[in-house]
PDB file of N, CA and C in Angstrom:
ATOM      1  N   MET A   1      -2.305 -22.647  -5.645  1.00  0.00           N
ATOM      2  CA  MET A   1      -2.101 -21.763  -4.837  1.00  0.00           C
ATOM      3  C   MET A   1      -0.921 -21.415  -4.621  1.00  0.00           C
ATOM      4  N   ILE A   2      -0.572 -20.356  -3.562  1.00  0.00           N
ATOM      5  CA  ILE A   2       0.753 -19.664  -3.035  1.00  0.00           C
ATOM      6  C   ILE A   2       1.324 -20.559  -2.170  1.00  0.00           C
ATOM      7  N   PRO A   3       2.392 -20.830  -2.023  1.00  0.00           N
ATOM      8  CA  PRO A   3       3.069 -21.454  -0.722  1.00  0.00           C
ATOM      9  C   PRO A   3       3.069 -20.263   0.245  1.00  0.00           C
ATOM     10  N   GLN A   4       2.544 -21.288   1.506  1.00  0.00           N
ATOM     11  CA  GLN A   4       2.815 -20.134   2.758  1.00  0.00           C
ATOM     12  C   GLN A   4       4.037 -19.542   2.979  1.00  0.00           C
ATOM     13  N   ARG A   5       4.848 -19.870   2.472  1.00  0.00           N
ATOM     14  CA  ARG A   5       6.468 -19.334   2.764  1.00  0.00           C
ATOM     15  C   ARG A   5       6.355 -17.976   2.285  1.00  0.00           C
ATOM     16  N   TYR A   6       5.382 -17.568   1.172  1.00  0.00           N
ATOM     17  CA  TYR A   6       5.362 -16.473   0.470  1.00  0.00           C
ATOM     18  C   TYR A   6       4.304 -15.439   1.276  1.00  0.00           C
ATOM     19  N   ALA A   7       3.766 -15.793   2.133  1.00  0.00           N
ATOM     20  CA  ALA A   7       2.766 -15.359   2.616  1.00  0.00           C
ATOM     21  C   ALA A   7       3.112 -13.666   3.104  1.00  0.00           C
ATOM     22  N   GLN A   8       4.119 -13.328   3.947  1.00  0.00           N
ATOM     23  CA  GLN A   8       4.295 -12.076   4.005  1.00  0.00           C
ATOM     24  C   GLN A   8       4.585 -11.222   3.119  1.00  0.00           C
ATOM     25  N   ILE A   9       5.196 -11.827   1.896  1.00  0.00           N
ATOM     26  CA  ILE A   9       5.168 -11.049   0.465  1.00  0.00           C
ATOM     27  C   ILE A   9       3.826 -10.650   0.131  1.00  0.00           C
ATOM     28  N   LEU A  10       3.332 -11.711   0.030  1.00  0.00           N
ATOM     29  CA  LEU A  10       1.775 -11.671  -0.443  1.00  0.00           C
ATOM     30  C   LEU A  10       1.046 -10.471   0.244  1.00  0.00           C
ATOM     31  N   PHE A  11       0.915 -10.521   1.685  1.00  0.00           N
ATOM     32  CA  PHE A  11       0.454  -9.618   2.500  1.00  0.00           C
ATOM     33  C   PHE A  11       0.744  -8.299   1.987  1.00  0.00           C
ATOM     34  N   GLY A  12       2.010  -8.044   2.095  1.00  0.00           N
ATOM     35  CA  GLY A  12       2.852  -6.751   1.379  1.00  0.00           C
ATOM     36  C   GLY A  12       2.311  -6.199   0.345  1.00  0.00           C
ATOM     37  N   PHE A  13       2.258  -7.238  -0.719  1.00  0.00           N
ATOM     38  CA  PHE A  13       1.729  -6.636  -2.203  1.00  0.00           C
ATOM     39  C   PHE A  13       0.224  -6.324  -2.186  1.00  0.00           C
ATOM     40  N   LEU A  14      -0.516  -7.035  -1.359  1.00  0.00           N
ATOM     41  CA  LEU A  14      -1.990  -6.811  -1.403  1.00  0.00           C
ATOM     42  C   LEU A  14      -2.432  -5.546  -0.641  1.00  0.00           C
ATOM     43  N   LEU A  15      -1.585  -5.423   0.587  1.00  0.00           N
ATOM     44  CA  LEU A  15      -1.729  -4.140   1.464  1.00  0.00           C
ATOM     45  C   LEU A  15      -1.204  -2.985   0.407  1.00  0.00           C
ATOM     46  N   SER A  16      -0.131  -3.038   0.119  1.00  0.00           N
ATOM     47  CA  SER A  16       0.272  -1.848  -0.617  1.00  0.00           C
ATOM     48  C   SER A  16      -0.510  -1.439  -1.717  1.00  0.00           C
ATOM     49  N   GLY A  17      -1.017  -2.528  -2.459  1.00  0.00           N
ATOM     50  CA  GLY A  17      -1.669  -2.220  -3.824  1.00  0.00           C
ATOM     51  C   GLY A  17      -3.164  -1.768  -3.394  1.00  0.00           C
ATOM     52  N   MET A  18      -4.014  -2.151  -2.460  1.00  0.00           N
ATOM     53  CA  MET A  18      -4.832  -1.587  -1.622  1.00  0.00           C
ATOM     54  C   MET A  18      -4.802  -0.204  -0.837  1.00  0.00           C
ATOM     55  N   MET A  19      -3.939   0.139  -0.316  1.00  0.00           N
ATOM     56  CA  MET A  19      -3.768   1.329   0.186  1.00  0.00           C
ATOM     57  C   MET A  19      -3.301   2.239  -0.625  1.00  0.00           C
ATOM     58  N   SER A  20      -2.489   1.916  -1.421  1.00  0.00           N
ATOM     59  CA  SER A  20      -1.906   2.953  -2.666  1.00  0.00           C
ATOM     60  C   SER A  20      -2.847   3.387  -3.464  1.00  0.00           C
ATOM     61  N   GLY A  21      -3.668   2.513  -3.500  1.00  0.00           N
ATOM     62  CA  GLY A  21      -4.903   2.648  -4.777  1.00  0.00           C
ATOM     63  C   GLY A  21      -5.992   3.636  -4.101  1.00  0.00           C
ATOM     64  N   LEU A  22      -6.145   3.370  -2.872  1.00  0.00           N
ATOM     65  CA  LEU A  22      -7.270   4.278  -2.185  1.00  0.00           C
ATOM     66  C   LEU A  22      -6.450   5.759  -2.102  1.00  0.00           C
ATOM     67  N   ILE A  23      -5.411   5.825  -1.568  1.00  0.00           N
ATOM     68  CA  ILE A  23      -4.744   7.109  -1.411  1.00  0.00           C
ATOM     69  C   ILE A  23      -4.453   7.742  -2.585  1.00  0.00           C
ATOM     70  N   SER A  24      -4.130   7.046  -3.656  1.00  0.00           N
ATOM     71  CA  SER A  24      -3.698   7.802  -4.990  1.00  0.00           C
ATOM     72  C   SER A  24      -4.907   8.328  -5.391  1.00  0.00           C
ATOM     73  N   GLY A  25      -6.156   7.695  -5.786  1.00  0.00           N
ATOM     74  CA  GLY A  25      -7.726   7.812  -5.867  1.00  0.00           C
ATOM     75  C   GLY A  25      -8.090   9.149  -5.389  1.00  0.00           C
ATOM     76  N   LEU A  26      -7.736   9.237  -3.729  1.00  0.00           N
ATOM     77  CA  LEU A  26      -8.148  10.257  -3.308  1.00  0.00           C
ATOM     78  C   LEU A  26      -7.542  11.647  -3.739  1.00  0.00           C
ATOM     79  N   SER A  27      -6.260  11.454  -3.862  1.00  0.00           N
ATOM     80  CA  SER A  27      -5.197  12.294  -3.833  1.00  0.00           C
ATOM     81  C   SER A  27      -5.521  12.965  -5.464  1.00  0.00           C
ATOM     82  N   THR A  28      -5.773  12.219  -6.144  1.00  0.00           N
ATOM     83  CA  THR A  28      -6.205  12.739  -7.831  1.00  0.00           C
ATOM     84  C   THR A  28      -7.328  13.423  -7.774  1.00  0.00           C
ATOM     85  N   PHE A  29      -8.559  12.980  -7.305  1.00  0.00           N
ATOM     86  CA  PHE A  29      -9.842  13.316  -6.912  1.00  0.00           C
ATOM     87  C   PHE A  29      -9.382  15.017  -6.432  1.00  0.00           C
ATOM     88  N   LEU A  30      -8.943  14.998  -5.205  1.00  0.00           N
ATOM     89  CA  LEU A  30      -8.882  16.499  -4.716  1.00  0.00           C
ATOM     90  C   LEU A  30      -8.037  17.301  -5.475  1.00  0.00           C
ATOM     91  N   ALA A  31      -7.007  16.852  -6.321  1.00  0.00           N
ATOM     92  CA  ALA A  31      -6.264  17.361  -7.217  1.00  0.00           C
ATOM     93  C   ALA A  31      -6.898  18.371  -8.341  1.00  0.00           C
ATOM     94  N   VAL A  32      -7.542  17.292  -8.851  1.00  0.00           N
ATOM     95  CA  VAL A  32      -8.156  17.412 -10.360  1.00  0.00           C
ATOM     96  C   VAL A  32      -9.839  17.424 -10.376  1.00  0.00           C
ATOM     97  N   GLY A  33     -10.407  16.913  -9.451  1.00  0.00           N
ATOM     98  CA  GLY A  33     -11.721  16.660  -9.139  1.00  0.00           C
ATOM     99  C   GLY A  33     -11.775  15.203 -10.249  1.00  0.00           C
ATOM    100  N   PHE A  34     -13.297  15.348 -10.815  1.00  0.00           N
ATOM    101  CA  PHE A  34     -13.780  14.022 -11.477  1.00  0.00           C
ATOM    102  C   PHE A  34     -13.661  14.407 -13.034  1.00  0.00           C
ATOM    103  N   PRO A  35     -12.710  14.962 -13.765  1.00  0.00           N
ATOM    104  CA  PRO A  35     -12.751  15.293 -14.983  1.00  0.00           C
ATOM    105  C   PRO A  35     -12.892  13.852 -15.964  1.00  0.00           C
ATOM    106  N   PRO A  36     -13.353  14.056 -17.263  1.00  0.00           N
ATOM    107  CA  PRO A  36     -12.959  13.173 -18.356  1.00  0.00           C
ATOM    108  C   PRO A  36     -11.516  12.446 -17.980  1.00  0.00           C
ATOM    109  N   GLY A  37     -11.437  11.373 -18.416  1.00  0.00           N
ATOM    110  CA  GLY A  37      -9.746  10.880 -18.112  1.00  0.00           C
ATOM    111  C   GLY A  37      -9.466  10.805 -16.772  1.00  0.00           C
ATOM    112  N   PHE A  38     -10.260  10.982 -16.083  1.00  0.00           N
ATOM    113  CA  PHE A  38     -10.155  10.423 -14.380  1.00  0.00           C
ATOM    114  C   PHE A  38      -9.380   9.049 -14.094  1.00  0.00           C
ATOM    115  N   ALA A  39      -9.703   8.388 -14.331  1.00  0.00           N
ATOM    116  CA  ALA A  39      -9.150   6.841 -14.365  1.00  0.00           C
ATOM    117  C   ALA A  39      -8.034   6.830 -14.737  1.00  0.00           C
ATOM    118  N   ALA A  40      -7.884   7.135 -16.323  1.00  0.00           N
ATOM    119  CA  ALA A  40      -6.361   6.980 -16.764  1.00  0.00           C
ATOM    120  C   ALA A  40      -5.441   7.715 -15.785  1.00  0.00           C
ATOM    121  N   THR A  41      -5.923   8.814 -15.207  1.00  0.00           N
ATOM    122  CA  THR A  41      -5.042  10.054 -14.526  1.00  0.00           C
ATOM    123  C   THR A  41      -4.702   9.032 -13.070  1.00  0.00           C
ATOM    124  N   TRP A  42      -5.816   8.083 -12.742  1.00  0.00           N
ATOM    125  CA  TRP A  42      -5.884   7.939 -11.453  1.00  0.00           C
ATOM    126  C   TRP A  42      -4.779   6.704 -11.594  1.00  0.00           C
ATOM    127  N   LEU A  43      -4.925   5.755 -12.567  1.00  0.00           N
ATOM    128  CA  LEU A  43      -4.040   4.472 -12.747  1.00  0.00           C
ATOM    129  C   LEU A  43      -3.096   4.612 -13.017  1.00  0.00           C
ATOM    130  N   SER A  44      -2.338   6.053 -13.686  1.00  0.00           N
ATOM    131  CA  SER A  44      -0.761   6.217 -13.980  1.00  0.00           C
ATOM    132  C   SER A  44      -0.337   6.571 -12.358  1.00  0.00           C
ATOM    133  N   SER A  45      -1.191   7.230 -11.673  1.00  0.00           N
ATOM    134  CA  SER A  45      -0.531   7.656 -10.091  1.00  0.00           C
ATOM    135  C   SER A  45      -0.589   6.547  -9.484  1.00  0.00           C
ATOM    136  N   TRP A  46      -1.618   5.773  -9.386  1.00  0.00           N
ATOM    137  CA  TRP A  46      -1.725   4.510  -8.716  1.00  0.00           C
ATOM    138  C   TRP A  46      -0.532   3.375  -9.094  1.00  0.00           C
ATOM    139  N   LEU A  47      -0.317   3.429 -10.210  1.00  0.00           N
ATOM    140  CA  LEU A  47       0.953   2.435 -10.560  1.00  0.00           C
ATOM    141  C   LEU A  47       2.131   2.863 -10.190  1.00  0.00           C
ATOM    142  N   THR A  48       2.566   4.418 -10.184  1.00  0.00           N
ATOM    143  CA  THR A  48       3.713   4.791  -9.433  1.00  0.00           C
ATOM    144  C   THR A  48       3.724   4.877  -8.178  1.00  0.00           C
ATOM    145  N   SER A  49       2.777   4.913  -7.290  1.00  0.00           N
ATOM    146  CA  SER A  49       2.427   4.809  -5.844  1.00  0.00           C
ATOM    147  C   SER A  49       2.777   3.772  -5.545  1.00  0.00           C
ATOM    148  N   TRP A  50       2.373   2.648  -6.268  1.00  0.00           N
ATOM    149  CA  TRP A  50       2.344   1.082  -5.763  1.00  0.00           C
ATOM    150  C   TRP A  50       4.033   0.683  -5.977  1.00  0.00           C
ATOM    151  N   ALA A  51       4.472   1.074  -7.110  1.00  0.00           N
ATOM    152  CA  ALA A  51       5.963   0.825  -7.080  1.00  0.00           C
ATOM    153  C   ALA A  51       6.799   1.310  -6.076  1.00  0.00           C
ATOM    154  N   VAL A  52       6.555   2.106  -5.519  1.00  0.00           N
ATOM    155  CA  VAL A  52       7.234   2.819  -4.162  1.00  0.00           C
ATOM    156  C   VAL A  52       6.629   2.099  -2.978  1.00  0.00           C
ATOM    157  N   ALA A  53       5.194   1.628  -2.592  1.00  0.00           N
ATOM    158  CA  ALA A  53       4.791   1.386  -1.705  1.00  0.00           C
ATOM    159  C   ALA A  53       5.145  -0.207  -1.371  1.00  0.00           C
ATOM    160  N   PHE A  54       5.004  -0.825  -2.415  1.00  0.00           N
ATOM    161  CA  PHE A  54       5.481  -2.219  -2.280  1.00  0.00           C
ATOM    162  C   PHE A  54       6.802  -2.432  -1.406  1.00  0.00           C
ATOM    163  N   PRO A  55       7.849  -1.974  -1.952  1.00  0.00           N
ATOM    164  CA  PRO A  55       9.202  -2.535  -1.227  1.00  0.00           C
ATOM    165  C   PRO A  55       9.227  -1.364   0.235  1.00  0.00           C
ATOM    166  N   THR A  56       8.477  -0.328   0.384  1.00  0.00           N
ATOM    167  CA  THR A  56       8.406   0.142   1.370  1.00  0.00           C
ATOM    168  C   THR A  56       7.751  -0.781   2.682  1.00  0.00           C
ATOM    169  N   VAL A  57       6.618  -1.079   2.136  1.00  0.00           N
ATOM    170  CA  VAL A  57       5.943  -2.091   2.860  1.00  0.00           C
ATOM    171  C   VAL A  57       7.012  -3.231   3.447  1.00  0.00           C
ATOM    172  N   LEU A  58       7.531  -3.621   2.581  1.00  0.00           N
ATOM    173  CA  LEU A  58       8.237  -5.024   3.131  1.00  0.00           C
ATOM    174  C   LEU A  58       9.419  -4.587   3.980  1.00  0.00           C
ATOM    175  N   VAL A  59      10.094  -3.384   3.706  1.00  0.00           N
ATOM    176  CA  VAL A  59      11.122  -3.005   4.681  1.00  0.00           C
ATOM    177  C   VAL A  59      10.513  -2.344   6.077  1.00  0.00           C
ATOM    178  N   VAL A  60       9.332  -1.532   5.967  1.00  0.00           N
ATOM    179  CA  VAL A  60       8.966  -1.036   6.998  1.00  0.00           C
ATOM    180  C   VAL A  60       7.738  -1.977   7.955  1.00  0.00           C
ATOM    181  N   ALA A  61       7.403  -2.954   7.553  1.00  0.00           N
ATOM    182  CA  ALA A  61       6.589  -3.831   8.420  1.00  0.00           C
ATOM    183  C   ALA A  61       7.219  -4.431   9.433  1.00  0.00           C
ATOM    184  N   PRO A  62       8.406  -5.006   9.437  1.00  0.00           N
ATOM    185  CA  PRO A  62       9.144  -5.896  10.408  1.00  0.00           C
ATOM    186  C   PRO A  62       9.468  -4.569  11.471  1.00  0.00           C
ATOM    187  N   ILE A  63       9.755  -3.675  11.151  1.00  0.00           N
ATOM    188  CA  ILE A  63      10.188  -2.603  12.203  1.00  0.00           C
ATOM    189  C   ILE A  63       8.860  -2.048  12.746  1.00  0.00           C
ATOM    190  N   ALA A  64       7.541  -1.824  12.129  1.00  0.00           N
ATOM    191  CA  ALA A  64       6.544  -1.590  12.716  1.00  0.00           C
ATOM    192  C   ALA A  64       6.148  -2.813  13.673  1.00  0.00           C
ATOM    193  N   ARG A  65       6.152  -4.052  13.363  1.00  0.00           N
ATOM    194  CA  ARG A  65       6.012  -5.093  14.218  1.00  0.00           C
ATOM    195  C   ARG A  65       6.844  -5.364  15.370  1.00  0.00           C
ATOM    196  N   ARG A  66       8.065  -4.900  15.751  1.00  0.00           N
ATOM    197  CA  ARG A  66       9.134  -4.648  16.760  1.00  0.00           C
ATOM    198  C   ARG A  66       8.521  -3.433  17.316  1.00  0.00           C
ATOM    199  N   LEU A  67       8.437  -2.425  17.119  1.00  0.00           N
ATOM    200  CA  LEU A  67       7.589  -1.278  17.504  1.00  0.00           C
ATOM    201  C   LEU A  67       6.667  -1.457  18.387  1.00  0.00           C
ATOM    202  N   VAL A  68       5.744  -2.394  17.838  1.00  0.00           N
ATOM    203  CA  VAL A  68       4.278  -2.648  18.398  1.00  0.00           C
ATOM    204  C   VAL A  68       4.421  -3.399  19.633  1.00  0.00           C
ATOM    205  N   ALA A  69       5.438  -4.489  19.408  1.00  0.00           N
ATOM    206  CA  ALA A  69       5.993  -5.426  20.519  1.00  0.00           C
ATOM    207  C   ALA A  69       6.358  -4.520  21.685  1.00  0.00           C
ATOM    208  N   VAL A  70       7.379  -3.826  21.557  1.00  0.00           N
ATOM    209  CA  VAL A  70       7.711  -2.667  22.525  1.00  0.00           C
ATOM    210  C   VAL A  70       6.731  -1.997  23.108  1.00  0.00           C
ATOM    211  N   LEU A  71       5.904  -1.628  22.290  1.00  0.00           N
ATOM    212  CA  LEU A  71       5.124  -0.522  22.958  1.00  0.00           C
ATOM    213  C   LEU A  71       3.930  -1.334  23.529  1.00  0.00           C
ATOM    214  N   THR A  72       3.764  -2.532  23.519  1.00  0.00           N
ATOM    215  CA  THR A  72       2.436  -2.852  24.006  1.00  0.00           C
ATOM    216  C   THR A  72       3.075  -3.993  25.131  1.00  0.00           C
ATOM    217  N   ARG A  73       2.107  -4.822  26.137  1.00  0.00           N
ATOM    218  CA  ARG A  73       2.313  -5.703  26.953  1.00  0.00           C
ATOM    219  C   ARG A  73       1.461  -6.611  27.067  1.00  0.00           C
ATOM    220  N   SER A  74       1.492  -7.850  27.306  1.00  0.00           N
ATOM    221  CA  SER A  74       0.604  -8.934  27.301  1.00  0.00           C
ATOM    222  C   SER A  74      -0.144  -8.985  28.554  1.00  0.00           C
ATOM    223  N   SER A  75      -1.541  -9.261  28.336  1.00  0.00           N
ATOM    224  CA  SER A  75      -2.583  -9.031  29.387  1.00  0.00           C
ATOM    225  C   SER A  75      -2.286 -10.199  30.593  1.00  0.00           C
TER     226      SER A  75
END
């Protein structure tokens, strides 16, 4: 198992992987349809997207948490 101290990094890794996979798959489908070789095209697009999404999530998530704290109030 992975130590708890890496939970935020693992969360960012999984979130960015799933999100970039879904978005790149949809974008690839909308751009080229579903031709032969779609999986290879999508995989290439996904890996590129994930390489950008993972570090972005690690930087942007703390900012988003702070904004949520500012924009919400406790009950």
